[in-house]
Amino acid sequence: MELDVNFTYANGFNLPPFFSRDQVVIVRVDKDKKINTDGLQQVQNQYPLKFKCKGLDDFTFPIDPVISLGFKNVITRRTVSKGTKRGSVKERWTEDDVDITISGVFISNDDTYPVEVDKLRAFFQKHTAIDVVCTLLNERDITQIAIESINFPFTKGTNNQAFEIKAYSDDVFQLLIEG
């Protein structure tokens, strides 16, 4: 059975050229390989990411970044001296911070350097926990992050700048408990 229509997803995130700054566009291509522009669908950000911090304006990433999460346990191990069995006794488990990598690209509509770079650097320089609003993170109980590093690698074009953020989840602890 041959399909009459193929769908191509243009997410506006290809390097270079950049076709779309703020949306995902679904383009219909008919079986004669002609692009059909009738009834184009535009899907606004699927997992928008917003940073919030006291003293700074809220910052919503203009293009959905790629977010990677890494989970691990911290295990306290003890070896038994003169033991007859191989290995160690796992004494205690606790869940470590979530390793978070956020990467993407900022694109300016004109031939100027993206203003989002300085806005992002302001959050890095705040040296405090950043509130995050993102379904992908919030559904995994991540509401705050601590930014370890931000990289801005070489990106072709004066109006484009790639970025990569390394961060950890930051949970609120109650250290003093009244008895």
Protein backbone atom coordinates (compact mmCIF):
# COMPACT_ATOMS: atom_id res chain seq x y z
CA MET A 1 0.00 0.00 0.00
CA GLU A 2 1.51 3.33 -1.07
CA LEU A 3 0.85 6.44 0.99
CA ASP A 4 -0.39 9.52 -0.82
CA VAL A 5 1.12 12.01 1.62
CA ASN A 6 4.37 12.16 3.58
CA PHE A 7 4.90 14.47 6.51
CA THR A 8 8.14 16.33 7.12
CA TYR A 9 8.79 17.96 10.47
CA ALA A 10 10.81 21.19 10.31
CA ASN A 11 11.62 22.11 13.88
CA GLY A 12 13.56 25.30 13.19
CA PHE A 13 16.53 24.00 15.18
CA ASN A 14 18.82 22.78 12.41
CA LEU A 15 22.30 24.21 12.15
CA PRO A 16 22.59 26.22 9.66
CA PRO A 17 20.34 27.50 8.19
CA PHE A 18 17.71 28.31 10.76
CA PHE A 19 14.25 28.35 9.28
CA SER A 20 11.95 29.05 12.18
CA ARG A 21 12.67 30.85 15.41
CA ASP A 22 9.60 30.29 17.57
CA GLN A 23 7.65 27.32 16.28
CA VAL A 24 7.57 23.82 14.92
CA VAL A 25 6.12 23.76 11.42
CA ILE A 26 4.57 20.65 9.92
CA VAL A 27 4.87 20.76 6.11
CA ARG A 28 2.89 18.38 3.92
CA VAL A 29 4.74 16.89 0.95
CA ASP A 30 2.60 15.12 -1.66
CA LYS A 31 3.66 12.00 -3.56
CA ASP A 32 5.05 14.07 -6.47
CA LYS A 33 7.57 15.61 -4.03
CA LYS A 34 5.86 19.00 -4.18
CA ILE A 35 5.52 20.94 -0.96
CA ASN A 36 1.89 21.59 -0.16
CA THR A 37 1.44 24.73 1.94
CA ASP A 38 -2.32 24.36 2.34
CA GLY A 39 -3.27 24.19 6.01
CA LEU A 40 0.21 24.40 7.55
CA GLN A 41 0.16 23.47 11.21
CA GLN A 42 2.25 25.44 13.65
CA VAL A 43 2.92 24.00 17.07
CA GLN A 44 4.22 26.48 19.61
CA ASN A 45 6.88 25.38 22.10
CA GLN A 46 6.25 21.81 23.23
CA TYR A 47 8.23 22.02 26.49
CA PRO A 48 8.81 25.72 27.15
CA LEU A 49 11.47 26.44 29.75
CA LYS A 50 11.31 29.50 31.98
CA PHE A 51 13.90 30.68 34.52
CA LYS A 52 12.78 32.78 37.51
CA CYS A 53 14.94 34.44 40.12
CA LYS A 54 14.38 37.27 42.57
CA GLY A 55 15.90 40.49 41.22
CA LEU A 56 15.76 39.40 37.56
CA ASP A 57 13.02 39.45 34.93
CA ASP A 58 11.60 36.01 34.12
CA PHE A 59 13.36 34.47 31.12
CA THR A 60 11.57 32.12 28.73
CA PHE A 61 13.81 30.38 26.19
CA PRO A 62 12.61 31.47 22.72
CA ILE A 63 13.26 28.02 21.21
CA ASP A 64 12.73 24.86 23.23
CA PRO A 65 16.16 23.69 24.38
CA VAL A 66 17.24 20.06 24.50
CA ILE A 67 17.10 18.93 28.13
CA SER A 68 18.99 15.83 29.32
CA LEU A 69 18.57 14.39 32.80
CA GLY A 70 20.88 12.00 34.65
CA PHE A 71 19.79 10.19 37.82
CA LYS A 72 22.06 8.26 40.20
CA ASN A 73 22.20 6.93 43.74
CA VAL A 74 24.88 7.58 46.34
CA ILE A 75 25.65 4.29 48.04
CA THR A 76 27.68 3.95 51.24
CA ARG A 77 29.68 0.71 51.01
CA ARG A 78 31.55 -1.06 53.76
CA THR A 79 33.91 -3.97 53.38
CA VAL A 80 33.86 -6.79 55.89
CA SER A 81 37.31 -7.63 57.15
CA LYS A 82 38.13 -11.31 57.08
CA GLY A 83 34.90 -11.89 55.20
CA THR A 84 34.50 -15.03 53.17
CA LYS A 85 32.23 -13.54 50.54
CA ARG A 86 33.08 -11.26 47.66
CA GLY A 87 31.98 -7.63 47.62
CA SER A 88 30.82 -5.13 50.17
CA VAL A 89 27.87 -4.41 52.42
CA LYS A 90 25.69 -1.66 51.01
CA GLU A 91 24.93 0.25 54.15
CA ARG A 92 22.88 3.16 52.92
CA TRP A 93 21.32 4.52 49.75
CA THR A 94 20.33 8.08 49.00
CA GLU A 95 19.36 9.73 45.76
CA ASP A 96 21.92 12.18 44.38
CA ASP A 97 21.17 15.49 42.69
CA VAL A 98 19.85 15.16 39.15
CA ASP A 99 22.50 16.07 36.55
CA ILE A 100 20.85 18.44 34.07
CA THR A 101 22.19 19.54 30.70
CA ILE A 102 20.28 22.19 28.78
CA SER A 103 21.47 22.99 25.28
CA GLY A 104 20.16 24.91 22.32
CA VAL A 105 20.67 27.99 20.24
CA PHE A 106 19.64 31.63 20.41
CA ILE A 107 18.74 33.27 17.11
CA SER A 108 18.33 36.97 16.48
CA ASN A 109 15.90 37.96 13.71
CA ASP A 110 18.30 40.62 12.45
CA ASP A 111 22.09 40.62 12.07
CA THR A 112 22.77 41.42 15.73
CA TYR A 113 24.12 39.19 18.48
CA PRO A 114 21.23 37.58 20.44
CA VAL A 115 20.26 39.57 23.56
CA GLU A 116 19.28 36.28 25.26
CA VAL A 117 22.98 35.53 25.86
CA ASP A 118 23.31 38.39 28.36
CA LYS A 119 19.98 37.51 29.99
CA LEU A 120 21.17 33.93 30.52
CA ARG A 121 24.53 35.10 31.90
CA ALA A 122 22.67 37.24 34.46
CA PHE A 123 21.05 34.09 35.89
CA PHE A 124 24.46 32.38 36.03
CA GLN A 125 26.00 35.34 37.87
CA LYS A 126 23.23 35.41 40.48
CA HIS A 127 24.90 32.53 42.43
CA THR A 128 21.61 31.27 43.85
CA ALA A 129 19.01 28.62 43.08
CA ILE A 130 16.99 29.33 39.94
CA ASP A 131 13.29 28.47 39.83
CA VAL A 132 12.41 26.54 36.68
CA VAL A 133 9.01 26.24 35.05
CA CYS A 134 8.99 23.37 32.56
CA THR A 135 6.63 20.42 32.39
CA LEU A 136 9.50 18.04 31.62
CA LEU A 137 11.34 19.06 34.82
CA ASN A 138 8.41 19.83 37.12
CA GLU A 139 6.80 16.41 36.54
CA ARG A 140 10.03 14.90 37.92
CA ASP A 141 9.89 17.10 41.05
CA ILE A 142 12.59 19.47 39.82
CA THR A 143 11.51 23.03 40.57
CA GLN A 144 14.91 24.63 41.22
CA ILE A 145 18.35 24.24 39.71
CA ALA A 146 21.87 25.33 40.59
CA ILE A 147 23.87 26.31 37.51
CA GLU A 148 27.41 24.93 37.51
CA SER A 149 28.54 26.23 34.11
CA ILE A 150 27.41 27.83 30.88
CA ASN A 151 29.28 27.39 27.61
CA PHE A 152 28.84 29.50 24.49
CA PRO A 153 30.74 27.60 21.77
CA PHE A 154 31.62 29.07 18.41
CA THR A 155 28.49 29.33 16.27
CA LYS A 156 28.47 30.34 12.62
CA GLY A 157 26.68 33.61 11.89
CA THR A 158 26.58 36.89 13.80
CA ASN A 159 22.94 36.42 14.76
CA ASN A 160 23.26 32.85 16.17
CA GLN A 161 24.74 31.60 19.43
CA ALA A 162 24.68 28.03 20.69
CA PHE A 163 24.71 27.41 24.43
CA GLU A 164 25.06 24.57 26.91
CA ILE A 165 24.11 24.78 30.59
CA LYS A 166 25.32 22.25 33.17
CA ALA A 167 23.22 22.28 36.32
CA TYR A 168 22.02 20.20 39.26
CA SER A 169 18.59 19.88 40.80
CA ASP A 170 18.35 21.88 44.00
CA ASP A 171 15.91 20.61 46.62
CA VAL A 172 14.98 22.66 49.67
CA PHE A 173 16.12 21.05 52.93
CA GLN A 174 14.92 21.81 56.43
CA LEU A 175 18.17 21.59 58.37
CA LEU A 176 16.93 22.79 61.76
CA ILE A 177 14.14 20.76 63.27
CA GLU A 178 12.57 21.88 66.53
CA GLY A 179 12.03 19.07 69.04
